[in-house]
């Protein structure tokens, strides 16, 4: 089955550790198990709307997000003031940063 970043898949068979079967919309089929990330109830999936550099949560170096990149939102958005909201995001490389909500679109 052809999968793209941000697709939501319902896994119907995960008995093989390498190849799972699932449904995505009206399509179903097999795909590599490593292509999926299981979401927790408090997590959301976002697509980045602009390329930007952010400071990592732990303060060690920077984190670059690219336009159209898919990131995982961890926790609820935080209002910094009346006009600014940030979201704690985590990239596929496990780096984490606070990203302005205006540069993310939920998928």
C-alpha atoms as a PDB file:
ATOM      1  CA  UNK A   1       0.000   0.000   0.000  1.00  0.00           C
ATOM      2  CA  UNK A   2       1.295   3.459  -0.891  1.00  0.00           C
ATOM      3  CA  UNK A   3       1.638   5.657   2.210  1.00  0.00           C
ATOM      4  CA  UNK A   4       2.590   9.314   2.497  1.00  0.00           C
ATOM      5  CA  UNK A   5       3.717  11.279   5.566  1.00  0.00           C
ATOM      6  CA  UNK A   6       0.733  12.321   7.650  1.00  0.00           C
ATOM      7  CA  UNK A   7      -1.631   9.558   6.470  1.00  0.00           C
ATOM      8  CA  UNK A   8      -3.724   7.996   9.217  1.00  0.00           C
ATOM      9  CA  UNK A   9      -3.770   4.221   9.029  1.00  0.00           C
ATOM     10  CA  UNK A  10      -5.867   1.686  10.908  1.00  0.00           C
ATOM     11  CA  UNK A  11      -3.742  -1.426  11.476  1.00  0.00           C
ATOM     12  CA  UNK A  12      -5.768  -4.590  10.906  1.00  0.00           C
ATOM     13  CA  UNK A  13      -2.979  -7.174  11.299  1.00  0.00           C
ATOM     14  CA  UNK A  14       0.374  -6.694  13.042  1.00  0.00           C
ATOM     15  CA  UNK A  15       1.280 -10.356  13.582  1.00  0.00           C
ATOM     16  CA  UNK A  16       4.375 -10.062  11.329  1.00  0.00           C
ATOM     17  CA  UNK A  17       6.950  -7.763  12.995  1.00  0.00           C
ATOM     18  CA  UNK A  18       8.135  -6.376   9.632  1.00  0.00           C
ATOM     19  CA  UNK A  19       5.017  -6.128   7.426  1.00  0.00           C
ATOM     20  CA  UNK A  20       1.647  -4.977   8.711  1.00  0.00           C
ATOM     21  CA  UNK A  21      -1.746  -4.894   7.032  1.00  0.00           C
ATOM     22  CA  UNK A  22      -3.995  -1.877   7.357  1.00  0.00           C
ATOM     23  CA  UNK A  23      -6.593   0.492   5.943  1.00  0.00           C
ATOM     24  CA  UNK A  24      -6.181   4.088   4.888  1.00  0.00           C
ATOM     25  CA  UNK A  25      -9.397   5.655   3.639  1.00  0.00           C
ATOM     26  CA  UNK A  26     -10.868   3.217   1.104  1.00  0.00           C
ATOM     27  CA  UNK A  27      -7.550   1.467   0.429  1.00  0.00           C
ATOM     28  CA  UNK A  28      -6.094  -1.509   2.254  1.00  0.00           C
ATOM     29  CA  UNK A  29      -2.879  -3.468   1.932  1.00  0.00           C
ATOM     30  CA  UNK A  30       0.524  -4.324   3.378  1.00  0.00           C
ATOM     31  CA  UNK A  31       3.314  -1.888   4.272  1.00  0.00           C
ATOM     32  CA  UNK A  32       6.575  -1.901   6.271  1.00  0.00           C
ATOM     33  CA  UNK A  33       5.787  -1.712  10.004  1.00  0.00           C
ATOM     34  CA  UNK A  34       8.542   0.867  10.516  1.00  0.00           C
ATOM     35  CA  UNK A  35       6.554   3.347   8.369  1.00  0.00           C
ATOM     36  CA  UNK A  36       4.067   3.959  11.179  1.00  0.00           C
ATOM     37  CA  UNK A  37       4.187   5.716  14.496  1.00  0.00           C
ATOM     38  CA  UNK A  38       1.506   4.885  17.030  1.00  0.00           C
ATOM     39  CA  UNK A  39      -0.139   8.026  18.369  1.00  0.00           C
ATOM     40  CA  UNK A  40      -1.070   8.495  21.990  1.00  0.00           C
ATOM     41  CA  UNK A  41      -4.375  10.204  22.825  1.00  0.00           C
ATOM     42  CA  UNK A  42      -2.649  13.487  23.672  1.00  0.00           C
ATOM     43  CA  UNK A  43      -0.570  13.621  20.462  1.00  0.00           C
ATOM     44  CA  UNK A  44      -1.447  15.403  17.219  1.00  0.00           C
ATOM     45  CA  UNK A  45       0.110  15.343  13.756  1.00  0.00           C
ATOM     46  CA  UNK A  46       1.122  18.606  12.083  1.00  0.00           C
ATOM     47  CA  UNK A  47       2.565  19.674   8.743  1.00  0.00           C
ATOM     48  CA  UNK A  48       5.087  22.533   8.781  1.00  0.00           C
ATOM     49  CA  UNK A  49       4.059  25.465   6.541  1.00  0.00           C
ATOM     50  CA  UNK A  50       7.413  27.339   6.413  1.00  0.00           C
ATOM     51  CA  UNK A  51      11.057  26.278   6.707  1.00  0.00           C
ATOM     52  CA  UNK A  52      12.512  27.565   9.992  1.00  0.00           C
ATOM     53  CA  UNK A  53      15.209  27.109  12.623  1.00  0.00           C
ATOM     54  CA  UNK A  54      14.176  26.504  16.243  1.00  0.00           C
ATOM     55  CA  UNK A  55      16.032  25.993  19.510  1.00  0.00           C
ATOM     56  CA  UNK A  56      15.787  22.449  20.841  1.00  0.00           C
ATOM     57  CA  UNK A  57      13.918  21.893  24.108  1.00  0.00           C
ATOM     58  CA  UNK A  58      17.034  20.679  25.909  1.00  0.00           C
ATOM     59  CA  UNK A  59      18.959  23.753  24.708  1.00  0.00           C
ATOM     60  CA  UNK A  60      21.602  21.710  22.874  1.00  0.00           C
ATOM     61  CA  UNK A  61      21.815  23.179  19.400  1.00  0.00           C
ATOM     62  CA  UNK A  62      19.154  23.927  16.879  1.00  0.00           C
ATOM     63  CA  UNK A  63      16.410  22.118  15.101  1.00  0.00           C
ATOM     64  CA  UNK A  64      15.548  22.842  11.471  1.00  0.00           C
ATOM     65  CA  UNK A  65      12.019  22.208  10.274  1.00  0.00           C
ATOM     66  CA  UNK A  66      11.321  22.129   6.547  1.00  0.00           C
ATOM     67  CA  UNK A  67       8.204  23.199   4.675  1.00  0.00           C
ATOM     68  CA  UNK A  68       5.763  20.241   4.375  1.00  0.00           C
ATOM     69  CA  UNK A  69       7.657  18.210   7.021  1.00  0.00           C
ATOM     70  CA  UNK A  70       5.436  16.139   9.312  1.00  0.00           C
ATOM     71  CA  UNK A  71       5.966  16.549  13.077  1.00  0.00           C
ATOM     72  CA  UNK A  72       4.259  15.194  16.158  1.00  0.00           C
ATOM     73  CA  UNK A  73       2.615  17.615  18.566  1.00  0.00           C
ATOM     74  CA  UNK A  74       3.182  16.599  22.176  1.00  0.00           C
ATOM     75  CA  UNK A  75       0.710  18.010  24.688  1.00  0.00           C
ATOM     76  CA  UNK A  76      -1.666  20.920  24.340  1.00  0.00           C
ATOM     77  CA  UNK A  77      -0.808  24.225  22.606  1.00  0.00           C
ATOM     78  CA  UNK A  78       0.505  26.887  25.003  1.00  0.00           C
ATOM     79  CA  UNK A  79      -0.663  30.502  24.792  1.00  0.00           C
ATOM     80  CA  UNK A  80       2.351  32.724  25.467  1.00  0.00           C
ATOM     81  CA  UNK A  81       0.281  35.899  25.247  1.00  0.00           C
ATOM     82  CA  UNK A  82      -2.913  37.135  23.560  1.00  0.00           C
ATOM     83  CA  UNK A  83      -1.384  36.901  20.068  1.00  0.00           C
ATOM     84  CA  UNK A  84       1.138  34.059  20.326  1.00  0.00           C
ATOM     85  CA  UNK A  85       0.650  30.300  20.751  1.00  0.00           C
ATOM     86  CA  UNK A  86       3.413  27.663  20.640  1.00  0.00           C
ATOM     87  CA  UNK A  87       3.260  23.894  20.249  1.00  0.00           C
ATOM     88  CA  UNK A  88       5.774  21.380  21.608  1.00  0.00           C
ATOM     89  CA  UNK A  89       6.775  19.367  18.513  1.00  0.00           C
ATOM     90  CA  UNK A  90       8.869  16.259  18.004  1.00  0.00           C
ATOM     91  CA  UNK A  91      10.514  15.359  14.675  1.00  0.00           C
ATOM     92  CA  UNK A  92      11.257  11.891  13.302  1.00  0.00           C
ATOM     93  CA  UNK A  93      14.874  12.230  14.540  1.00  0.00           C
ATOM     94  CA  UNK A  94      13.469  12.645  18.109  1.00  0.00           C
ATOM     95  CA  UNK A  95      14.566  16.287  18.374  1.00  0.00           C
ATOM     96  CA  UNK A  96      12.034  18.466  20.189  1.00  0.00           C
ATOM     97  CA  UNK A  97      11.313  22.193  20.138  1.00  0.00           C
ATOM     98  CA  UNK A  98       8.608  24.762  20.740  1.00  0.00           C
ATOM     99  CA  UNK A  99       7.165  25.929  17.398  1.00  0.00           C
ATOM    100  CA  UNK A 100       4.873  28.910  16.784  1.00  0.00           C
ATOM    101  CA  UNK A 101       1.412  27.500  16.023  1.00  0.00           C
ATOM    102  CA  UNK A 102       0.987  29.823  13.048  1.00  0.00           C
ATOM    103  CA  UNK A 103       3.563  27.713  11.134  1.00  0.00           C
ATOM    104  CA  UNK A 104       1.764  24.375  11.661  1.00  0.00           C
ATOM    105  CA  UNK A 105      -1.332  22.843  10.091  1.00  0.00           C
ATOM    106  CA  UNK A 106      -2.981  19.846  11.749  1.00  0.00           C
ATOM    107  CA  UNK A 107      -3.350  16.827   9.439  1.00  0.00           C
END
